[in-house]
Amino acid sequence: ILAIGVFIIAGHHGFLYLGQQHVPG
């Protein structure tokens, strides 16, 4: 649960959403 929650949900989407402020989908 921690591995998926930290890296796949929080880490992946945190970086993705920050990055998509500057690049198109």
PDB file of all heavy atoms in Angstrom:
ATOM      1  N   ILE A   1       0.836  -1.207   0.000  1.00  0.00           N
ATOM      2  CA  ILE A   1       0.000   0.000   0.000  1.00  0.00           C
ATOM      3  C   ILE A   1       0.865   1.249   0.000  1.00  0.00           C
ATOM      4  O   ILE A   1       0.620   2.202  -0.755  1.00  0.00           O
ATOM      5  CB  ILE A   1      -0.942  -0.008   1.220  1.00  0.00           C
ATOM      6  CG1 ILE A   1      -2.012  -1.094   1.052  1.00  0.00           C
ATOM      7  CG2 ILE A   1      -1.613   1.359   1.399  1.00  0.00           C
ATOM      8  CD1 ILE A   1      -2.827  -1.343   2.311  1.00  0.00           C
ATOM      9  N   LEU A   2       1.918   1.247   0.827  1.00  0.00           N
ATOM     10  CA  LEU A   2       2.792   2.413   0.911  1.00  0.00           C
ATOM     11  C   LEU A   2       3.557   2.635  -0.393  1.00  0.00           C
ATOM     12  O   LEU A   2       3.692   3.774  -0.859  1.00  0.00           O
ATOM     13  CB  LEU A   2       3.777   2.254   2.075  1.00  0.00           C
ATOM     14  CG  LEU A   2       3.178   2.375   3.476  1.00  0.00           C
ATOM     15  CD1 LEU A   2       4.241   2.090   4.529  1.00  0.00           C
ATOM     16  CD2 LEU A   2       2.560   3.756   3.691  1.00  0.00           C
ATOM     17  N   ALA A   3       4.067   1.555  -0.992  1.00  0.00           N
ATOM     18  CA  ALA A   3       4.833   1.696  -2.242  1.00  0.00           C
ATOM     19  C   ALA A   3       3.970   2.288  -3.343  1.00  0.00           C
ATOM     20  O   ALA A   3       4.386   3.207  -4.068  1.00  0.00           O
ATOM     21  CB  ALA A   3       5.397   0.344  -2.663  1.00  0.00           C
ATOM     22  N   ILE A   4       2.744   1.777  -3.480  1.00  0.00           N
ATOM     23  CA  ILE A   4       1.851   2.292  -4.521  1.00  0.00           C
ATOM     24  C   ILE A   4       1.377   3.702  -4.168  1.00  0.00           C
ATOM     25  O   ILE A   4       1.355   4.604  -5.016  1.00  0.00           O
ATOM     26  CB  ILE A   4       0.651   1.347  -4.714  1.00  0.00           C
ATOM     27  CG1 ILE A   4       1.126  -0.019  -5.213  1.00  0.00           C
ATOM     28  CG2 ILE A   4      -0.351   1.950  -5.703  1.00  0.00           C
ATOM     29  CD1 ILE A   4       0.033  -1.068  -5.278  1.00  0.00           C
ATOM     30  N   GLY A   5       1.007   3.915  -2.900  1.00  0.00           N
ATOM     31  CA  GLY A   5       0.501   5.218  -2.493  1.00  0.00           C
ATOM     32  C   GLY A   5       1.534   6.322  -2.627  1.00  0.00           C
ATOM     33  O   GLY A   5       1.233   7.409  -3.114  1.00  0.00           O
ATOM     34  N   VAL A   6       2.784   6.022  -2.221  1.00  0.00           N
ATOM     35  CA  VAL A   6       3.834   7.044  -2.240  1.00  0.00           C
ATOM     36  C   VAL A   6       4.336   7.305  -3.653  1.00  0.00           C
ATOM     37  O   VAL A   6       4.436   8.459  -4.086  1.00  0.00           O
ATOM     38  CB  VAL A   6       5.006   6.632  -1.320  1.00  0.00           C
ATOM     39  CG1 VAL A   6       6.194   7.578  -1.500  1.00  0.00           C
ATOM     40  CG2 VAL A   6       4.565   6.606   0.134  1.00  0.00           C
ATOM     41  N   PHE A   7       4.646   6.228  -4.393  1.00  0.00           N
ATOM     42  CA  PHE A   7       5.317   6.412  -5.687  1.00  0.00           C
ATOM     43  C   PHE A   7       4.346   6.493  -6.869  1.00  0.00           C
ATOM     44  O   PHE A   7       4.522   7.334  -7.754  1.00  0.00           O
ATOM     45  CB  PHE A   7       6.313   5.265  -5.925  1.00  0.00           C
ATOM     46  CG  PHE A   7       7.488   5.294  -4.996  1.00  0.00           C
ATOM     47  CD1 PHE A   7       7.534   4.471  -3.884  1.00  0.00           C
ATOM     48  CD2 PHE A   7       8.540   6.161  -5.216  1.00  0.00           C
ATOM     49  CE1 PHE A   7       8.610   4.496  -3.013  1.00  0.00           C
ATOM     50  CE2 PHE A   7       9.632   6.206  -4.357  1.00  0.00           C
ATOM     51  CZ  PHE A   7       9.663   5.367  -3.242  1.00  0.00           C
ATOM     52  N   ILE A   8       3.333   5.616  -6.902  1.00  0.00           N
ATOM     53  CA  ILE A   8       2.459   5.552  -8.080  1.00  0.00           C
ATOM     54  C   ILE A   8       1.328   6.579  -8.013  1.00  0.00           C
ATOM     55  O   ILE A   8       0.950   7.157  -9.037  1.00  0.00           O
ATOM     56  CB  ILE A   8       1.900   4.120  -8.249  1.00  0.00           C
ATOM     57  CG1 ILE A   8       3.058   3.153  -8.565  1.00  0.00           C
ATOM     58  CG2 ILE A   8       0.843   4.071  -9.340  1.00  0.00           C
ATOM     59  CD1 ILE A   8       2.635   1.713  -8.757  1.00  0.00           C
ATOM     60  N   ILE A   9       0.795   6.819  -6.814  1.00  0.00           N
ATOM     61  CA  ILE A   9      -0.281   7.809  -6.696  1.00  0.00           C
ATOM     62  C   ILE A   9       0.294   9.197  -6.420  1.00  0.00           C
ATOM     63  O   ILE A   9       0.159  10.114  -7.236  1.00  0.00           O
ATOM     64  CB  ILE A   9      -1.290   7.409  -5.597  1.00  0.00           C
ATOM     65  CG1 ILE A   9      -1.875   6.016  -5.889  1.00  0.00           C
ATOM     66  CG2 ILE A   9      -2.403   8.456  -5.516  1.00  0.00           C
ATOM     67  CD1 ILE A   9      -2.641   5.899  -7.182  1.00  0.00           C
ATOM     68  N   ALA A  10       0.975   9.377  -5.284  1.00  0.00           N
ATOM     69  CA  ALA A  10       1.444  10.717  -4.905  1.00  0.00           C
ATOM     70  C   ALA A  10       2.598  11.197  -5.781  1.00  0.00           C
ATOM     71  O   ALA A  10       2.534  12.279  -6.373  1.00  0.00           O
ATOM     72  CB  ALA A  10       1.856  10.720  -3.431  1.00  0.00           C
ATOM     73  N   GLY A  11       3.660  10.401  -5.882  1.00  0.00           N
ATOM     74  CA  GLY A  11       4.823  10.836  -6.651  1.00  0.00           C
ATOM     75  C   GLY A  11       4.521  11.017  -8.124  1.00  0.00           C
ATOM     76  O   GLY A  11       4.817  12.065  -8.711  1.00  0.00           O
ATOM     77  N   HIS A  12       3.927   9.992  -8.733  1.00  0.00           N
ATOM     78  CA  HIS A  12       3.636  10.044 -10.174  1.00  0.00           C
ATOM     79  C   HIS A  12       2.728  11.216 -10.511  1.00  0.00           C
ATOM     80  O   HIS A  12       3.029  12.022 -11.401  1.00  0.00           O
ATOM     81  CB  HIS A  12       2.994   8.730 -10.605  1.00  0.00           C
ATOM     82  CG  HIS A  12       2.449   8.742 -11.994  1.00  0.00           C
ATOM     83  ND1 HIS A  12       3.247   8.854 -13.110  1.00  0.00           N
ATOM     84  CD2 HIS A  12       1.172   8.674 -12.464  1.00  0.00           C
ATOM     85  CE1 HIS A  12       2.508   8.849 -14.192  1.00  0.00           C
ATOM     86  NE2 HIS A  12       1.243   8.746 -13.830  1.00  0.00           N
ATOM     87  N   HIS A  13       1.618  11.338  -9.800  1.00  0.00           N
ATOM     88  CA  HIS A  13       0.654  12.373 -10.158  1.00  0.00           C
ATOM     89  C   HIS A  13       1.105  13.757  -9.702  1.00  0.00           C
ATOM     90  O   HIS A  13       0.775  14.757 -10.359  1.00  0.00           O
ATOM     91  CB  HIS A  13      -0.719  12.026  -9.586  1.00  0.00           C
ATOM     92  CG  HIS A  13      -1.352  10.853 -10.259  1.00  0.00           C
ATOM     93  ND1 HIS A  13      -1.150   9.551  -9.839  1.00  0.00           N
ATOM     94  CD2 HIS A  13      -2.142  10.770 -11.361  1.00  0.00           C
ATOM     95  CE1 HIS A  13      -1.801   8.722 -10.635  1.00  0.00           C
ATOM     96  NE2 HIS A  13      -2.407   9.434 -11.570  1.00  0.00           N
ATOM     97  N   GLY A  14       1.850  13.843  -8.597  1.00  0.00           N
ATOM     98  CA  GLY A  14       2.374  15.144  -8.201  1.00  0.00           C
ATOM     99  C   GLY A  14       3.265  15.739  -9.272  1.00  0.00           C
ATOM    100  O   GLY A  14       3.082  16.891  -9.695  1.00  0.00           O
ATOM    101  N   PHE A  15       4.238  14.956  -9.747  1.00  0.00           N
ATOM    102  CA  PHE A  15       5.129  15.440 -10.812  1.00  0.00           C
ATOM    103  C   PHE A  15       4.364  15.676 -12.112  1.00  0.00           C
ATOM    104  O   PHE A  15       4.615  16.654 -12.825  1.00  0.00           O
ATOM    105  CB  PHE A  15       6.253  14.435 -11.059  1.00  0.00           C
ATOM    106  CG  PHE A  15       7.348  14.463 -10.024  1.00  0.00           C
ATOM    107  CD1 PHE A  15       7.670  13.326  -9.304  1.00  0.00           C
ATOM    108  CD2 PHE A  15       8.061  15.621  -9.786  1.00  0.00           C
ATOM    109  CE1 PHE A  15       8.681  13.344  -8.350  1.00  0.00           C
ATOM    110  CE2 PHE A  15       9.085  15.658  -8.835  1.00  0.00           C
ATOM    111  CZ  PHE A  15       9.384  14.512  -8.111  1.00  0.00           C
ATOM    112  N   LEU A  16       3.427  14.765 -12.440  1.00  0.00           N
ATOM    113  CA  LEU A  16       2.681  14.881 -13.693  1.00  0.00           C
ATOM    114  C   LEU A  16       1.864  16.173 -13.728  1.00  0.00           C
ATOM    115  O   LEU A  16       1.905  16.926 -14.718  1.00  0.00           O
ATOM    116  CB  LEU A  16       1.761  13.681 -13.871  1.00  0.00           C
ATOM    117  CG  LEU A  16       0.813  13.712 -15.077  1.00  0.00           C
ATOM    118  CD1 LEU A  16       1.596  13.731 -16.385  1.00  0.00           C
ATOM    119  CD2 LEU A  16      -0.153  12.524 -15.051  1.00  0.00           C
ATOM    120  N   TYR A  17       1.136  16.458 -12.659  1.00  0.00           N
ATOM    121  CA  TYR A  17       0.280  17.646 -12.633  1.00  0.00           C
ATOM    122  C   TYR A  17       1.113  18.918 -12.629  1.00  0.00           C
ATOM    123  O   TYR A  17       0.738  19.914 -13.264  1.00  0.00           O
ATOM    124  CB  TYR A  17      -0.654  17.611 -11.428  1.00  0.00           C
ATOM    125  CG  TYR A  17      -1.870  16.719 -11.600  1.00  0.00           C
ATOM    126  CD1 TYR A  17      -1.746  15.391 -11.969  1.00  0.00           C
ATOM    127  CD2 TYR A  17      -3.151  17.215 -11.388  1.00  0.00           C
ATOM    128  CE1 TYR A  17      -2.854  14.574 -12.114  1.00  0.00           C
ATOM    129  CE2 TYR A  17      -4.274  16.408 -11.527  1.00  0.00           C
ATOM    130  CZ  TYR A  17      -4.111  15.084 -11.897  1.00  0.00           C
ATOM    131  OH  TYR A  17      -5.213  14.281 -12.056  1.00  0.00           O
ATOM    132  N   LEU A  18       2.248  18.916 -11.908  1.00  0.00           N
ATOM    133  CA  LEU A  18       3.131  20.074 -11.939  1.00  0.00           C
ATOM    134  C   LEU A  18       3.687  20.286 -13.348  1.00  0.00           C
ATOM    135  O   LEU A  18       3.759  21.411 -13.842  1.00  0.00           O
ATOM    136  CB  LEU A  18       4.277  19.894 -10.940  1.00  0.00           C
ATOM    137  CG  LEU A  18       3.922  20.030  -9.460  1.00  0.00           C
ATOM    138  CD1 LEU A  18       5.117  19.635  -8.600  1.00  0.00           C
ATOM    139  CD2 LEU A  18       3.478  21.455  -9.132  1.00  0.00           C
ATOM    140  N   GLY A  19       4.087  19.183 -13.994  1.00  0.00           N
ATOM    141  CA  GLY A  19       4.648  19.281 -15.338  1.00  0.00           C
ATOM    142  C   GLY A  19       3.639  19.723 -16.371  1.00  0.00           C
ATOM    143  O   GLY A  19       3.957  20.511 -17.279  1.00  0.00           O
ATOM    144  N   GLN A  20       2.394  19.267 -16.217  1.00  0.00           N
ATOM    145  CA  GLN A  20       1.380  19.615 -17.216  1.00  0.00           C
ATOM    146  C   GLN A  20       0.910  21.062 -17.108  1.00  0.00           C
ATOM    147  O   GLN A  20       0.111  21.509 -17.939  1.00  0.00           O
ATOM    148  CB  GLN A  20       0.187  18.653 -17.129  1.00  0.00           C
ATOM    149  CG  GLN A  20       0.400  17.394 -17.941  1.00  0.00           C
ATOM    150  CD  GLN A  20      -0.905  16.724 -18.342  1.00  0.00           C
ATOM    151  OE1 GLN A  20      -1.128  15.567 -18.029  1.00  0.00           O
ATOM    152  NE2 GLN A  20      -1.769  17.434 -19.051  1.00  0.00           N
ATOM    153  N   GLN A  21       1.400  21.785 -16.132  1.00  0.00           N
ATOM    154  CA  GLN A  21       1.165  23.229 -16.150  1.00  0.00           C
ATOM    155  C   GLN A  21       1.920  23.882 -17.297  1.00  0.00           C
ATOM    156  O   GLN A  21       1.579  24.982 -17.724  1.00  0.00           O
ATOM    157  CB  GLN A  21       1.652  23.858 -14.834  1.00  0.00           C
ATOM    158  CG  GLN A  21       0.863  23.488 -13.607  1.00  0.00           C
ATOM    159  CD  GLN A  21       1.416  24.192 -12.381  1.00  0.00           C
ATOM    160  OE1 GLN A  21       0.795  25.096 -11.843  1.00  0.00           O
ATOM    161  NE2 GLN A  21       2.592  23.780 -11.945  1.00  0.00           N
ATOM    162  N   HIS A  22       2.959  23.203 -17.799  1.00  0.00           N
ATOM    163  CA  HIS A  22       3.867  23.799 -18.779  1.00  0.00           C
ATOM    164  C   HIS A  22       3.896  23.070 -20.118  1.00  0.00           C
ATOM    165  O   HIS A  22       4.447  23.597 -21.079  1.00  0.00           O
ATOM    166  CB  HIS A  22       5.285  23.842 -18.215  1.00  0.00           C
ATOM    167  CG  HIS A  22       5.368  24.409 -16.831  1.00  0.00           C
ATOM    168  ND1 HIS A  22       4.986  25.702 -16.534  1.00  0.00           N
ATOM    169  CD2 HIS A  22       5.774  23.852 -15.658  1.00  0.00           C
ATOM    170  CE1 HIS A  22       5.162  25.923 -15.238  1.00  0.00           C
ATOM    171  NE2 HIS A  22       5.628  24.825 -14.690  1.00  0.00           N
ATOM    172  N   VAL A  23       3.340  21.860 -20.191  1.00  0.00           N
ATOM    173  CA  VAL A  23       3.328  21.120 -21.460  1.00  0.00           C
ATOM    174  C   VAL A  23       1.920  20.593 -21.707  1.00  0.00           C
ATOM    175  O   VAL A  23       1.194  20.281 -20.758  1.00  0.00           O
ATOM    176  CB  VAL A  23       4.340  19.945 -21.453  1.00  0.00           C
ATOM    177  CG1 VAL A  23       5.757  20.454 -21.313  1.00  0.00           C
ATOM    178  CG2 VAL A  23       4.029  18.951 -20.349  1.00  0.00           C
ATOM    179  N   PRO A  24       1.490  20.495 -22.965  1.00  0.00           N
ATOM    180  CA  PRO A  24       0.137  19.997 -23.267  1.00  0.00           C
ATOM    181  C   PRO A  24      -0.013  18.517 -22.942  1.00  0.00           C
ATOM    182  O   PRO A  24       0.975  17.773 -22.830  1.00  0.00           O
ATOM    183  CB  PRO A  24      -0.008  20.258 -24.763  1.00  0.00           C
ATOM    184  CG  PRO A  24       1.385  20.351 -25.283  1.00  0.00           C
ATOM    185  CD  PRO A  24       2.212  20.916 -24.176  1.00  0.00           C
ATOM    186  N   GLY A  25      -1.267  18.088 -22.798  1.00  0.00           N
ATOM    187  CA  GLY A  25      -1.550  16.715 -22.421  1.00  0.00           C
ATOM    188  C   GLY A  25      -1.005  15.690 -23.396  1.00  0.00           C
ATOM    189  O   GLY A  25      -0.509  14.628 -22.988  1.00  0.00           O
TER     190      GLY A  25
END
